[in-house]
Amino acid sequence: MDLFPAIDLRGGRVVQLVQGDFDRERDHGDDPVAVAKAFVEAGAPWIHTVDLDAARTGEPANRHLIAAIAAAVDVPVQAGGGVRSVEAARALHEVGVTRVVMGTAALEPDGAALVAEVAAGQRVAIGMDVKGREVVVRGWAEGSGIDWSDALVTLEGAGAEAVVVTQVEVEGLMGGADLAGLAEVLAATPLEVVASGGVGELADLIALAGVSGGGRGLAGAIVGTAIYEGRFDVATAVRALAELTR
């Protein structure tokens, strides 16, 4: 399982939201490129970025910063937030993003066709942000009325290579991930599954590495708040995950 340190961007700053609430924001500075470089120097195999402004409005307010991160590091960069058109996805690809995450647009009636069109030219992950079992959209602000399992049935054949599952109810709380829910997702789809939300201690990350379903484990775990709050660092996490595979 790979570690994906998170760099969430809002108004040009590195932030973390508590339970997806834009009114409950933790600020971690104004130099996302330096943050990304430090993560990579510590051994991170991926960098995960989110344009939170774009997630709400669809306008790529922080694309230039994602481009700067991609140019500054030599590991793959995953980017989400407001990727709601082929043009938006291609623009991220052109600035060096390895894989785009499509959430809100993928849940629209023509979402599978849009994902397929994007996936024909670049790597795509489905962003599955959930509260309980309901998928939420537009920066976690709106419920879709769609159960995650139904969404996966619709989308898993569209050409995406992975699904990023964020359990919003535990996001930013550092109280542990939704292990049972993630095991259920693994059993329900052949796509790679990347977990997001809830990691607060190194033990939580190790627990995620032990989750299995459908005869396989998670492909990755996105961690933000626990790293920024000093619960553990990237180097320690990468070493711990490497030990599990020996």
Protein backbone atom coordinates (compact mmCIF):
# COMPACT_ATOMS: atom_id res chain seq x y z
CA MET A 1 0.00 0.00 0.00
CA ASP A 2 1.39 3.38 -1.02
CA LEU A 3 1.29 6.53 1.08
CA PHE A 4 -0.25 9.59 -0.62
CA PRO A 5 0.56 12.68 1.47
CA ALA A 6 -2.14 15.27 0.82
CA ILE A 7 -1.77 18.90 -0.17
CA ASP A 8 -5.22 20.51 -0.16
CA LEU A 9 -5.26 24.00 -1.62
CA ARG A 10 -7.62 26.87 -0.87
CA GLY A 11 -6.91 30.48 -1.77
CA GLY A 12 -3.32 29.57 -2.54
CA ARG A 13 -2.71 28.11 0.90
CA VAL A 14 -2.22 24.59 2.22
CA VAL A 15 -5.21 23.69 4.38
CA GLN A 16 -7.08 20.73 5.83
CA LEU A 17 -10.84 20.64 6.37
CA VAL A 18 -12.57 18.92 9.27
CA GLN A 19 -15.35 16.62 8.00
CA GLY A 20 -15.29 18.45 4.69
CA ASP A 21 -16.53 21.67 6.31
CA PHE A 22 -15.11 24.81 4.72
CA ASP A 23 -15.87 26.69 7.94
CA ARG A 24 -13.66 24.31 9.92
CA GLU A 25 -10.31 24.78 8.27
CA ARG A 26 -6.78 24.24 9.53
CA ASP A 27 -4.18 26.42 7.80
CA HIS A 28 -0.73 24.97 7.12
CA GLY A 29 1.02 27.74 5.23
CA ASP A 30 1.42 29.36 1.85
CA ASP A 31 4.22 27.32 0.21
CA PRO A 32 2.74 24.10 -1.21
CA VAL A 33 5.79 23.48 -3.39
CA ALA A 34 8.08 23.39 -0.36
CA VAL A 35 5.65 21.03 1.37
CA ALA A 36 5.60 18.72 -1.64
CA LYS A 37 9.39 18.67 -1.93
CA ALA A 38 9.74 17.85 1.76
CA PHE A 39 7.29 14.96 1.40
CA VAL A 40 9.22 13.54 -1.55
CA GLU A 41 12.58 13.96 0.19
CA ALA A 42 11.09 11.92 3.04
CA GLY A 43 10.28 9.08 0.65
CA ALA A 44 6.67 9.70 -0.43
CA PRO A 45 5.94 7.69 -3.61
CA TRP A 46 3.01 9.95 -4.61
CA ILE A 47 1.71 13.44 -3.92
CA HIS A 48 -2.07 13.92 -3.73
CA THR A 49 -3.40 17.43 -4.40
CA VAL A 50 -6.90 18.89 -4.25
CA ASP A 51 -8.03 22.29 -5.51
CA LEU A 52 -10.70 22.95 -2.89
CA ASP A 53 -11.80 26.19 -4.53
CA ALA A 54 -12.39 24.37 -7.80
CA ALA A 55 -14.24 21.59 -5.99
CA ARG A 56 -16.86 24.14 -4.94
CA THR A 57 -17.01 26.36 -8.03
CA GLY A 58 -15.51 24.38 -10.89
CA GLU A 59 -13.02 27.21 -11.50
CA PRO A 60 -9.34 26.10 -11.32
CA ALA A 61 -8.16 28.68 -8.81
CA ASN A 62 -5.07 26.72 -7.73
CA ARG A 63 -4.07 24.97 -10.97
CA HIS A 64 -0.89 27.04 -11.20
CA LEU A 65 0.18 25.71 -7.80
CA ILE A 66 -0.54 22.12 -8.81
CA ALA A 67 1.56 22.75 -11.91
CA ALA A 68 4.39 24.11 -9.76
CA ILE A 69 4.23 21.04 -7.52
CA ALA A 70 4.32 18.67 -10.49
CA ALA A 71 7.34 20.51 -11.91
CA ALA A 72 9.18 20.43 -8.59
CA VAL A 73 8.93 16.73 -7.72
CA ASP A 74 10.00 13.51 -9.41
CA VAL A 75 7.14 11.30 -8.18
CA PRO A 76 3.65 11.03 -9.68
CA VAL A 77 1.13 13.69 -8.71
CA GLN A 78 -2.57 12.95 -8.35
CA ALA A 79 -4.94 15.91 -8.56
CA GLY A 80 -8.63 16.40 -7.95
CA GLY A 81 -11.11 19.15 -7.25
CA GLY A 82 -13.36 20.58 -9.95
CA VAL A 83 -12.30 18.20 -12.74
CA ARG A 84 -15.67 18.36 -14.50
CA SER A 85 -14.76 18.45 -18.19
CA VAL A 86 -12.35 16.94 -20.67
CA GLU A 87 -10.71 20.34 -20.94
CA ALA A 88 -10.11 20.59 -17.18
CA ALA A 89 -8.64 17.09 -17.09
CA ARG A 90 -6.40 17.72 -20.10
CA ALA A 91 -5.19 21.00 -18.60
CA LEU A 92 -3.98 19.16 -15.51
CA HIS A 93 -2.35 16.48 -17.65
CA GLU A 94 -0.53 19.16 -19.64
CA VAL A 95 1.00 20.68 -16.50
CA GLY A 96 2.39 17.33 -15.37
CA VAL A 97 -0.36 15.68 -13.32
CA THR A 98 -0.08 11.89 -13.57
CA ARG A 99 -3.65 11.02 -12.58
CA VAL A 100 -6.78 13.14 -12.26
CA VAL A 101 -9.56 12.42 -9.79
CA MET A 102 -13.09 12.96 -11.09
CA GLY A 103 -15.89 13.15 -8.54
CA THR A 104 -18.87 15.46 -9.07
CA ALA A 105 -18.86 15.20 -12.88
CA ALA A 106 -18.64 11.42 -12.76
CA LEU A 107 -21.94 11.32 -10.84
CA GLU A 108 -23.88 13.30 -13.44
CA PRO A 109 -26.21 11.38 -15.78
CA ASP A 110 -23.56 11.38 -18.53
CA GLY A 111 -20.70 10.92 -16.06
CA ALA A 112 -19.58 7.49 -17.27
CA ALA A 113 -19.25 8.77 -20.83
CA LEU A 114 -17.24 11.77 -19.64
CA VAL A 115 -14.91 9.57 -17.58
CA ALA A 116 -14.44 7.29 -20.59
CA GLU A 117 -13.55 10.23 -22.82
CA VAL A 118 -11.01 11.53 -20.33
CA ALA A 119 -9.59 8.04 -19.69
CA ALA A 120 -8.96 7.58 -23.40
CA GLY A 121 -6.18 10.15 -23.14
CA GLN A 122 -4.88 10.04 -19.58
CA ARG A 123 -5.02 8.24 -16.24
CA VAL A 124 -8.18 8.70 -14.17
CA ALA A 125 -9.42 7.83 -10.70
CA ILE A 126 -13.02 8.13 -9.56
CA GLY A 127 -13.46 10.32 -6.49
CA MET A 128 -16.06 8.70 -4.25
CA ASP A 129 -16.72 11.08 -1.35
CA VAL A 130 -19.29 9.50 0.94
CA LYS A 131 -21.27 10.29 4.07
CA GLY A 132 -22.30 6.91 5.36
CA ARG A 133 -23.20 5.27 2.05
CA GLU A 134 -24.37 8.36 0.15
CA VAL A 135 -22.03 9.94 -2.37
CA VAL A 136 -21.66 13.70 -1.83
CA VAL A 137 -20.62 16.19 -4.49
CA ARG A 138 -19.48 19.78 -5.16
CA GLY A 139 -16.84 19.95 -2.49
CA TRP A 140 -18.81 17.72 -0.12
CA ALA A 141 -21.53 20.36 0.03
CA GLU A 142 -24.41 18.45 -1.59
CA GLY A 143 -25.84 14.97 -1.29
CA SER A 144 -26.36 13.07 -4.54
CA GLY A 145 -28.96 10.59 -3.32
CA ILE A 146 -26.77 7.85 -4.82
CA ASP A 147 -25.42 4.89 -2.85
CA TRP A 148 -21.72 4.35 -3.47
CA SER A 149 -22.27 0.78 -4.63
CA ASP A 150 -24.69 1.93 -7.33
CA ALA A 151 -22.24 4.59 -8.44
CA LEU A 152 -19.48 2.02 -8.76
CA VAL A 153 -21.64 -0.27 -10.88
CA THR A 154 -22.21 2.62 -13.28
CA LEU A 155 -18.62 3.87 -13.39
CA GLU A 156 -16.24 0.95 -12.97
CA GLY A 157 -16.29 0.06 -16.69
CA ALA A 158 -15.65 3.61 -17.87
CA GLY A 159 -11.87 3.30 -18.03
CA ALA A 160 -10.76 4.66 -14.66
CA GLU A 161 -7.97 2.70 -13.00
CA ALA A 162 -8.78 3.49 -9.37
CA VAL A 163 -11.38 4.82 -6.96
CA VAL A 164 -10.46 7.24 -4.18
CA VAL A 165 -12.86 6.70 -1.27
CA THR A 166 -13.18 9.52 1.25
CA GLN A 167 -15.42 8.88 4.24
CA VAL A 168 -16.33 12.49 5.00
CA GLU A 169 -17.72 11.66 8.44
CA VAL A 170 -14.22 10.81 9.70
CA GLU A 171 -12.24 13.25 7.52
CA GLY A 172 -9.92 15.43 9.57
CA LEU A 173 -10.96 13.96 12.92
CA MET A 174 -7.95 11.61 13.21
CA GLY A 175 -10.07 9.02 15.00
CA GLY A 176 -9.48 6.10 12.68
CA ALA A 177 -10.61 5.15 9.17
CA ASP A 178 -13.77 3.32 8.09
CA LEU A 179 -12.11 -0.09 7.80
CA ALA A 180 -15.31 -2.08 7.33
CA GLY A 181 -16.59 0.24 4.64
CA LEU A 182 -13.31 0.09 2.75
CA ALA A 183 -13.30 -3.71 2.88
CA GLU A 184 -16.79 -3.63 1.39
CA VAL A 185 -15.64 -1.37 -1.44
CA LEU A 186 -12.70 -3.66 -2.18
CA ALA A 187 -15.04 -6.62 -2.44
CA ALA A 188 -17.42 -4.70 -4.71
CA THR A 189 -15.09 -3.45 -7.46
CA PRO A 190 -12.06 -4.60 -9.45
CA LEU A 191 -10.67 -1.05 -9.45
CA GLU A 192 -7.70 -0.15 -7.28
CA VAL A 193 -8.97 1.43 -4.05
CA VAL A 194 -7.24 4.36 -2.37
CA ALA A 195 -8.53 5.28 1.09
CA SER A 196 -8.85 8.80 2.46
CA GLY A 197 -10.01 10.12 5.81
CA GLY A 198 -9.60 9.29 9.48
CA VAL A 199 -5.93 8.44 9.91
CA GLY A 200 -4.70 9.95 13.16
CA GLU A 201 -1.92 7.66 14.33
CA LEU A 202 0.60 5.37 12.69
CA ALA A 203 -1.47 2.47 13.98
CA ASP A 204 -4.41 3.70 11.86
CA LEU A 205 -2.24 3.60 8.75
CA ILE A 206 -1.05 0.09 9.60
CA ALA A 207 -4.68 -0.94 10.10
CA LEU A 208 -5.49 0.33 6.61
CA ALA A 209 -2.65 -1.74 5.20
CA GLY A 210 -4.34 -4.78 6.71
CA VAL A 211 -7.75 -4.17 5.16
CA SER A 212 -8.76 -6.77 2.60
CA GLY A 213 -11.76 -7.55 0.46
CA GLY A 214 -12.24 -9.56 -2.67
CA GLY A 215 -8.88 -11.21 -2.05
CA ARG A 216 -6.82 -8.01 -2.18
CA GLY A 217 -5.84 -4.98 -0.18
CA LEU A 218 -5.85 -1.22 -0.59
CA ALA A 219 -3.60 0.34 -3.22
CA GLY A 220 -2.97 3.44 -1.18
CA ALA A 221 -3.92 5.73 1.68
CA ILE A 222 -4.18 9.51 1.54
CA VAL A 223 -3.03 11.19 4.74
CA GLY A 224 -3.07 14.88 5.51
CA THR A 225 -4.05 16.14 8.94
CA ALA A 226 -2.09 13.55 10.94
CA ILE A 227 1.11 14.52 9.12
CA TYR A 228 0.53 18.26 9.47
CA GLU A 229 -0.37 17.93 13.14
CA GLY A 230 2.81 15.97 13.85
CA ARG A 231 1.20 12.66 14.79
CA PHE A 232 3.81 10.96 12.58
CA ASP A 233 6.00 12.01 9.68
CA VAL A 234 6.19 10.80 6.09
CA ALA A 235 9.53 9.05 6.49
CA THR A 236 8.26 7.02 9.45
CA ALA A 237 5.08 6.08 7.60
CA VAL A 238 6.92 5.00 4.46
CA ARG A 239 9.32 2.86 6.49
CA ALA A 240 6.46 1.25 8.42
CA LEU A 241 4.59 0.36 5.22
CA ALA A 242 7.76 -1.04 3.65
CA GLU A 243 8.30 -3.28 6.69
CA LEU A 244 4.87 -4.83 6.16
CA THR A 245 5.86 -6.12 2.73
CA ARG A 246 9.10 -7.78 3.80
